[in-house]
Amino acid sequence: MPEVPGYRVWALPGLPEVCAGDDLGKLIADAATAEGLPGLTDGDVLLVTSKIVSKAEGRVLRADDREAAIDAETVRVVARRGPMRIVESRHGFVMAAAGVDASNTPAGTVLLLPEDPDLSARRIRDALRRTLGVTVGVIVTDTFGRPWRTGVTDVAIGAAGVRVLDDLRGGTDSHGNPLQVTIVATADELAAAGDLVKGKADGMPVAVVRGLARVVRG
């Protein structure tokens, strides 16, 4: 029987409410190795919602500071619709409100994006390697809208140990046609897959993808 390409993705239940100063790597390791779960193995990819990273890093403000926070995180305003601003953040992301968000955080507070999402991902990856002895990829995700499309989806805003883009230029397709512009947004596709099992309001901010070890770097 021919081998059929595929992968598995599941959310991690059991993560507690994350607070400033928490060791996020340890919390994830404990949740991933809980009884009844598959654990973690080399080549897995973890998809970590940015909000718990922000909470662990203390990136929490009072809600009445929201507009000032958006101003501070904004490089330029791209578009306005009523009170909503689509801006380029200082990270280089084009998104609503520079990522300053009041969802999935206690009433009266807002969250900023992690200061350096790539560094955040690297710290989690290193902690899992120390704690569990596994080499995994880590992607920090956030929710973006898309121009001229209805609805939102998760995308990668930071990564460690993952091939975030798959550059197919210079190759050929199944009919032998040259590929001239095709660059696959691998990390974004993984982020979106993880969000299907994490959900937006289900209290499961981390997902694991297994079966795509080819995208994980050592």
Protein backbone atom coordinates (compact mmCIF):
# COMPACT_ATOMS: atom_id res chain seq x y z
CA MET A 1 0.00 0.00 0.00
CA PRO A 2 1.51 3.40 -0.95
CA GLU A 3 2.40 5.81 1.80
CA VAL A 4 -0.20 8.57 2.01
CA PRO A 5 1.01 12.04 3.13
CA GLY A 6 -0.63 13.28 6.29
CA TYR A 7 -0.17 14.81 9.71
CA ARG A 8 -1.94 14.96 13.06
CA VAL A 9 -2.80 18.04 15.09
CA TRP A 10 -4.20 18.28 18.61
CA ALA A 11 -4.69 20.92 21.28
CA LEU A 12 -3.16 20.69 24.76
CA PRO A 13 -5.74 20.79 27.56
CA GLY A 14 -4.82 21.52 31.14
CA LEU A 15 -2.75 24.68 30.81
CA PRO A 16 -3.42 26.99 33.76
CA GLU A 17 -4.07 30.71 33.51
CA VAL A 18 -0.68 32.20 32.68
CA CYS A 19 0.68 35.07 34.79
CA ALA A 20 3.66 37.39 34.50
CA GLY A 21 6.90 35.58 35.25
CA ASP A 22 5.56 32.07 34.64
CA ASP A 23 7.92 29.55 33.04
CA LEU A 24 5.94 28.96 29.87
CA GLY A 25 8.22 26.18 28.68
CA LYS A 26 7.63 24.21 31.87
CA LEU A 27 3.87 24.77 31.77
CA ILE A 28 3.74 23.50 28.19
CA ALA A 29 5.97 20.52 29.00
CA ASP A 30 3.73 19.55 31.92
CA ALA A 31 0.57 19.86 29.81
CA ALA A 32 2.05 17.94 26.87
CA THR A 33 3.15 15.00 29.03
CA ALA A 34 -0.05 14.68 31.06
CA GLU A 35 -1.54 11.20 31.34
CA GLY A 36 -3.48 10.17 28.26
CA LEU A 37 -1.73 12.54 25.86
CA PRO A 38 0.81 11.53 23.18
CA GLY A 39 3.63 13.59 24.72
CA LEU A 40 6.20 15.33 22.55
CA THR A 41 8.77 13.84 20.22
CA ASP A 42 11.52 15.08 17.91
CA GLY A 43 10.05 16.78 14.85
CA ASP A 44 6.82 17.97 16.48
CA VAL A 45 5.77 21.58 15.94
CA LEU A 46 4.15 23.56 18.76
CA LEU A 47 1.74 26.37 17.94
CA VAL A 48 1.59 28.80 20.85
CA THR A 49 -0.99 31.59 20.99
CA SER A 50 0.74 34.93 21.46
CA LYS A 51 -1.56 35.92 24.31
CA ILE A 52 -0.07 33.44 26.77
CA VAL A 53 3.40 34.53 25.72
CA SER A 54 2.44 38.16 26.37
CA LYS A 55 1.00 37.26 29.76
CA ALA A 56 4.13 35.37 30.81
CA GLU A 57 6.27 38.31 29.68
CA GLY A 58 4.16 40.85 31.56
CA ARG A 59 2.88 42.60 28.43
CA VAL A 60 -0.38 43.54 30.14
CA LEU A 61 -1.81 47.05 30.52
CA ARG A 62 -4.92 48.63 31.97
CA ALA A 63 -7.68 48.89 29.38
CA ASP A 64 -7.87 52.67 29.75
CA ASP A 65 -4.31 52.81 28.37
CA ARG A 66 -5.35 51.01 25.16
CA GLU A 67 -5.33 53.97 22.75
CA ALA A 68 -1.98 55.19 24.04
CA ALA A 69 -0.62 51.66 23.69
CA ILE A 70 -1.81 51.45 20.08
CA ASP A 71 -0.13 54.77 19.35
CA ALA A 72 3.12 53.55 20.91
CA GLU A 73 3.07 50.29 18.93
CA THR A 74 2.19 51.94 15.59
CA VAL A 75 4.65 52.91 12.87
CA ARG A 76 2.01 54.14 10.41
CA VAL A 77 -1.75 54.03 9.92
CA VAL A 78 -2.73 52.05 6.82
CA ALA A 79 -6.53 52.47 6.97
CA ARG A 80 -9.33 53.60 9.26
CA ARG A 81 -12.91 52.44 9.62
CA GLY A 82 -14.75 54.30 12.36
CA PRO A 83 -12.69 53.92 15.53
CA MET A 84 -10.79 50.92 14.12
CA ARG A 85 -7.28 51.48 12.82
CA ILE A 86 -5.38 49.10 10.56
CA VAL A 87 -1.73 49.91 11.19
CA GLU A 88 1.79 48.76 10.62
CA SER A 89 3.15 47.77 14.01
CA ARG A 90 6.73 48.28 15.08
CA HIS A 91 7.19 44.54 14.45
CA GLY A 92 6.36 45.14 10.78
CA PHE A 93 2.92 43.49 10.93
CA VAL A 94 -0.07 45.13 9.23
CA MET A 95 -2.99 44.42 11.53
CA ALA A 96 -5.86 45.87 13.53
CA ALA A 97 -4.92 48.04 16.51
CA ALA A 98 -1.23 47.03 16.36
CA GLY A 99 -2.16 43.76 18.04
CA VAL A 100 -3.35 45.46 21.25
CA ASP A 101 -6.16 43.12 22.30
CA ALA A 102 -8.77 42.89 25.05
CA SER A 103 -9.82 39.28 24.38
CA ASN A 104 -8.80 36.31 26.53
CA THR A 105 -7.48 38.58 29.25
CA PRO A 106 -9.13 39.67 32.53
CA ALA A 107 -11.69 42.46 32.35
CA GLY A 108 -10.10 45.89 32.51
CA THR A 109 -6.85 44.81 30.87
CA VAL A 110 -5.38 44.60 27.37
CA LEU A 111 -2.45 42.66 25.99
CA LEU A 112 0.40 43.85 23.81
CA LEU A 113 2.17 41.51 21.42
CA PRO A 114 5.37 39.90 22.70
CA GLU A 115 8.35 42.24 22.52
CA ASP A 116 10.33 39.83 20.31
CA PRO A 117 8.20 36.87 19.17
CA ASP A 118 11.15 35.03 17.60
CA LEU A 119 13.06 35.22 20.88
CA SER A 120 9.95 34.09 22.76
CA ALA A 121 9.67 31.05 20.49
CA ARG A 122 13.36 30.28 20.93
CA ARG A 123 13.06 30.38 24.72
CA ILE A 124 10.14 27.95 24.69
CA ARG A 125 11.99 25.63 22.31
CA ASP A 126 15.13 25.69 24.45
CA ALA A 127 13.11 25.02 27.60
CA LEU A 128 11.42 21.99 26.03
CA ARG A 129 14.78 20.66 24.91
CA ARG A 130 16.18 21.03 28.45
CA THR A 131 13.10 19.64 30.16
CA LEU A 132 12.07 16.81 27.83
CA GLY A 133 15.15 16.26 25.65
CA VAL A 134 13.18 16.79 22.43
CA THR A 135 13.97 18.89 19.38
CA VAL A 136 10.77 20.59 18.26
CA GLY A 137 9.75 23.63 16.29
CA VAL A 138 7.84 26.45 17.97
CA ILE A 139 5.59 28.98 16.26
CA VAL A 140 4.05 31.94 18.09
CA THR A 141 0.69 32.73 16.50
CA ASP A 142 -1.74 35.62 16.41
CA THR A 143 -5.03 36.33 14.68
CA PHE A 144 -5.05 38.50 11.55
CA GLY A 145 -7.75 39.75 9.23
CA ARG A 146 -7.05 39.68 5.49
CA PRO A 147 -7.67 42.34 2.84
CA TRP A 148 -10.76 41.65 0.73
CA ARG A 149 -11.54 38.45 2.62
CA THR A 150 -14.19 37.89 5.28
CA GLY A 151 -13.06 36.35 8.54
CA VAL A 152 -9.84 36.02 10.49
CA THR A 153 -7.18 33.34 10.67
CA ASP A 154 -4.11 32.59 12.75
CA VAL A 155 -0.70 33.38 11.29
CA ALA A 156 2.87 33.06 12.52
CA ILE A 157 4.38 36.13 14.18
CA GLY A 158 7.46 34.39 15.55
CA ALA A 159 9.22 31.07 15.13
CA ALA A 160 12.19 28.99 16.22
CA GLY A 161 13.46 25.76 14.72
CA VAL A 162 10.94 25.84 11.87
CA ARG A 163 11.34 26.42 8.15
CA VAL A 164 8.83 29.27 7.94
CA LEU A 165 8.90 29.53 4.14
CA ASP A 166 9.25 26.81 1.52
CA ASP A 167 10.83 28.39 -1.56
CA LEU A 168 9.90 26.33 -4.62
CA ARG A 169 11.26 28.76 -7.19
CA GLY A 170 13.52 27.08 -9.69
CA GLY A 171 11.73 23.75 -9.40
CA THR A 172 8.97 22.33 -11.57
CA ASP A 173 5.36 21.32 -11.00
CA SER A 174 3.86 17.89 -11.70
CA HIS A 175 3.61 18.75 -15.41
CA GLY A 176 7.18 19.96 -15.68
CA ASN A 177 6.29 23.64 -15.74
CA PRO A 178 8.90 25.89 -14.09
CA LEU A 179 7.94 27.45 -10.75
CA GLN A 180 8.97 31.09 -10.85
CA VAL A 181 7.21 32.81 -7.93
CA THR A 182 5.94 30.06 -5.61
CA ILE A 183 7.00 30.53 -1.99
CA VAL A 184 4.80 28.59 0.44
CA ALA A 185 4.00 30.30 3.76
CA THR A 186 4.57 27.11 5.73
CA ALA A 187 4.54 28.63 9.22
CA ASP A 188 1.30 30.50 8.50
CA GLU A 189 -0.33 27.32 7.23
CA LEU A 190 0.71 25.49 10.40
CA ALA A 191 -0.63 28.34 12.53
CA ALA A 192 -4.01 28.15 10.81
CA ALA A 193 -4.16 24.36 11.21
CA GLY A 194 -3.48 24.69 14.92
CA ASP A 195 -6.22 27.26 15.39
CA LEU A 196 -8.81 24.77 14.12
CA VAL A 197 -8.25 22.67 17.25
CA LYS A 198 -7.29 25.42 19.71
CA GLY A 199 -10.32 27.57 18.99
CA LYS A 200 -10.66 31.23 19.88
CA ALA A 201 -12.45 30.85 23.20
CA ASP A 202 -11.87 27.28 24.36
CA GLY A 203 -9.03 27.91 26.80
CA MET A 204 -6.52 25.75 24.89
CA PRO A 205 -3.82 28.13 23.66
CA VAL A 206 -1.27 25.53 22.49
CA ALA A 207 -1.51 22.91 19.74
CA VAL A 208 0.90 20.24 18.53
CA VAL A 209 1.46 19.12 14.94
CA ARG A 210 3.02 15.71 14.36
CA GLY A 211 4.06 14.20 11.04
CA LEU A 212 5.79 17.18 9.42
CA ALA A 213 9.30 16.73 10.80
CA ARG A 214 10.67 17.89 7.45
CA VAL A 215 9.86 21.50 8.41
CA VAL A 216 11.74 21.32 11.74
CA ARG A 217 15.35 22.42 11.93
CA GLY A 218 17.84 21.00 14.37
